[in-house]
Amino acid sequence: MKLITNITDEAAQQHTILFADDEITLRILFHPFNQMWTIDVTYKGKSRYGVKLAVNTLHLRSENYPFDFYVADTSDSGLDPVRREDFELGRCQLYMLEPDDMQDIRGQDVQI
């Protein structure tokens, strides 16, 4: 499990994550009108766009990627990330899960 660091309160940002001798391109977008964060993921020529970030769930489960993303709510409020500063201030944290992590948590809530 890898914490994605350096997420700011900017509405559009891009991160590159090294994974399995390749790169994951992760675009993180804040939508102020809807008050929500989404991600776009590209890996080995395959892309998934507009995935809404929500706490305590796997986001790419049905996409057959060898990884997934998970949002932890450090405040224990149970609220999805809805403010621009939720990641920057640490109320929410975004993790990349590797295959072993995904196997451990299928069908249950993740405890970070």
Protein backbone atom coordinates (compact mmCIF):
# COMPACT_ATOMS: atom_id res chain seq x y z
CA MET A 1 0.00 0.00 0.00
CA LYS A 2 1.46 3.31 -1.06
CA LEU A 3 0.30 6.72 0.16
CA ILE A 4 -0.01 9.21 -2.70
CA THR A 5 1.69 12.32 -1.38
CA ASN A 6 1.81 15.89 -2.60
CA ILE A 7 -1.89 16.16 -3.39
CA THR A 8 -2.65 19.85 -3.13
CA ASP A 9 -5.85 21.89 -3.25
CA GLU A 10 -5.37 22.63 -6.96
CA ALA A 11 -8.41 21.62 -8.98
CA ALA A 12 -6.40 19.69 -11.60
CA GLN A 13 -3.17 17.87 -10.91
CA GLN A 14 -1.24 14.97 -12.35
CA HIS A 15 0.91 12.38 -10.60
CA THR A 16 3.11 9.66 -12.06
CA ILE A 17 3.44 6.46 -10.03
CA LEU A 18 6.06 3.83 -10.81
CA PHE A 19 4.50 0.37 -10.89
CA ALA A 20 5.73 -2.97 -12.24
CA ASP A 21 8.44 -1.54 -14.51
CA ASP A 22 5.95 0.93 -15.97
CA GLU A 23 4.10 4.09 -14.98
CA ILE A 24 0.59 4.88 -13.84
CA THR A 25 -0.58 8.34 -14.84
CA LEU A 26 -3.05 9.62 -12.28
CA ARG A 27 -5.00 12.83 -12.89
CA ILE A 28 -6.80 14.09 -9.81
CA LEU A 29 -9.60 16.58 -10.42
CA PHE A 30 -11.77 18.63 -8.08
CA HIS A 31 -15.23 19.57 -9.32
CA PRO A 32 -16.37 22.61 -7.29
CA PHE A 33 -19.95 22.66 -8.59
CA ASN A 34 -20.48 19.05 -7.49
CA GLN A 35 -18.09 19.28 -4.52
CA MET A 36 -16.30 16.05 -5.36
CA TRP A 37 -12.94 14.68 -6.43
CA THR A 38 -12.45 12.31 -9.37
CA ILE A 39 -9.48 10.48 -10.83
CA ASP A 40 -8.45 9.56 -14.36
CA VAL A 41 -6.10 6.57 -14.53
CA THR A 42 -3.90 5.50 -17.45
CA TYR A 43 -1.73 2.39 -17.37
CA LYS A 44 -0.21 0.52 -20.34
CA GLY A 45 -2.43 2.29 -22.85
CA LYS A 46 -5.65 1.56 -20.94
CA SER A 47 -7.53 4.50 -19.41
CA ARG A 48 -10.42 4.99 -17.02
CA TYR A 49 -11.90 8.47 -16.68
CA GLY A 50 -14.05 10.25 -14.12
CA VAL A 51 -13.92 7.81 -11.21
CA LYS A 52 -15.49 9.54 -8.20
CA LEU A 53 -13.34 9.23 -5.08
CA ALA A 54 -15.21 7.84 -2.09
CA VAL A 55 -14.01 6.59 1.30
CA ASN A 56 -13.76 2.90 2.19
CA THR A 57 -14.13 1.48 -1.31
CA LEU A 58 -12.05 0.08 -4.15
CA HIS A 59 -12.35 2.32 -7.20
CA LEU A 60 -11.16 0.19 -10.12
CA ARG A 61 -12.48 -3.21 -9.03
CA SER A 62 -14.22 -4.06 -12.32
CA GLU A 63 -11.50 -2.64 -14.58
CA ASN A 64 -8.97 -5.52 -14.20
CA TYR A 65 -6.04 -3.27 -13.34
CA PRO A 66 -3.32 -4.92 -11.21
CA PHE A 67 -3.74 -2.11 -8.65
CA ASP A 68 -6.50 -0.02 -7.14
CA PHE A 69 -7.00 3.19 -5.20
CA TYR A 70 -8.46 3.66 -1.75
CA VAL A 71 -9.43 6.82 0.17
CA ALA A 72 -9.06 6.87 3.95
CA ASP A 73 -10.95 9.38 6.08
CA THR A 74 -8.60 10.30 8.92
CA SER A 75 -11.29 12.28 10.75
CA ASP A 76 -13.58 9.24 11.10
CA SER A 77 -16.49 11.36 9.87
CA GLY A 78 -17.27 8.91 7.07
CA LEU A 79 -17.54 11.75 4.56
CA ASP A 80 -16.16 11.45 1.05
CA PRO A 81 -13.63 14.10 0.03
CA VAL A 82 -15.82 17.12 -0.76
CA ARG A 83 -13.58 20.13 -0.14
CA ARG A 84 -10.60 21.27 -2.20
CA GLU A 85 -8.31 21.08 0.81
CA ASP A 86 -9.38 17.63 2.10
CA PHE A 87 -6.22 15.90 0.81
CA GLU A 88 -3.82 18.78 1.37
CA LEU A 89 -4.87 19.17 5.02
CA GLY A 90 -4.86 15.40 5.57
CA ARG A 91 -8.54 14.84 6.32
CA CYS A 92 -8.47 12.33 3.48
CA GLN A 93 -5.58 10.26 2.22
CA LEU A 94 -5.31 8.52 -1.14
CA TYR A 95 -3.55 5.15 -1.28
CA MET A 96 -2.55 2.96 -4.20
CA LEU A 97 -3.14 -0.70 -3.41
CA GLU A 98 -0.96 -3.36 -4.96
CA PRO A 99 -2.21 -6.90 -5.78
CA ASP A 100 -1.45 -8.32 -2.30
CA ASP A 101 -3.25 -5.41 -0.64
CA MET A 102 -6.28 -5.89 -2.86
CA GLN A 103 -6.43 -9.60 -2.08
CA ASP A 104 -6.39 -8.87 1.65
CA ILE A 105 -9.34 -6.49 1.54
CA ARG A 106 -11.78 -7.86 -1.02
CA GLY A 107 -15.23 -7.88 0.49
CA GLN A 108 -14.34 -6.06 3.68
CA ASP A 109 -13.69 -2.54 4.90
CA VAL A 110 -10.07 -1.46 4.75
CA GLN A 111 -8.53 -0.24 7.99
CA ILE A 112 -5.53 2.03 7.45
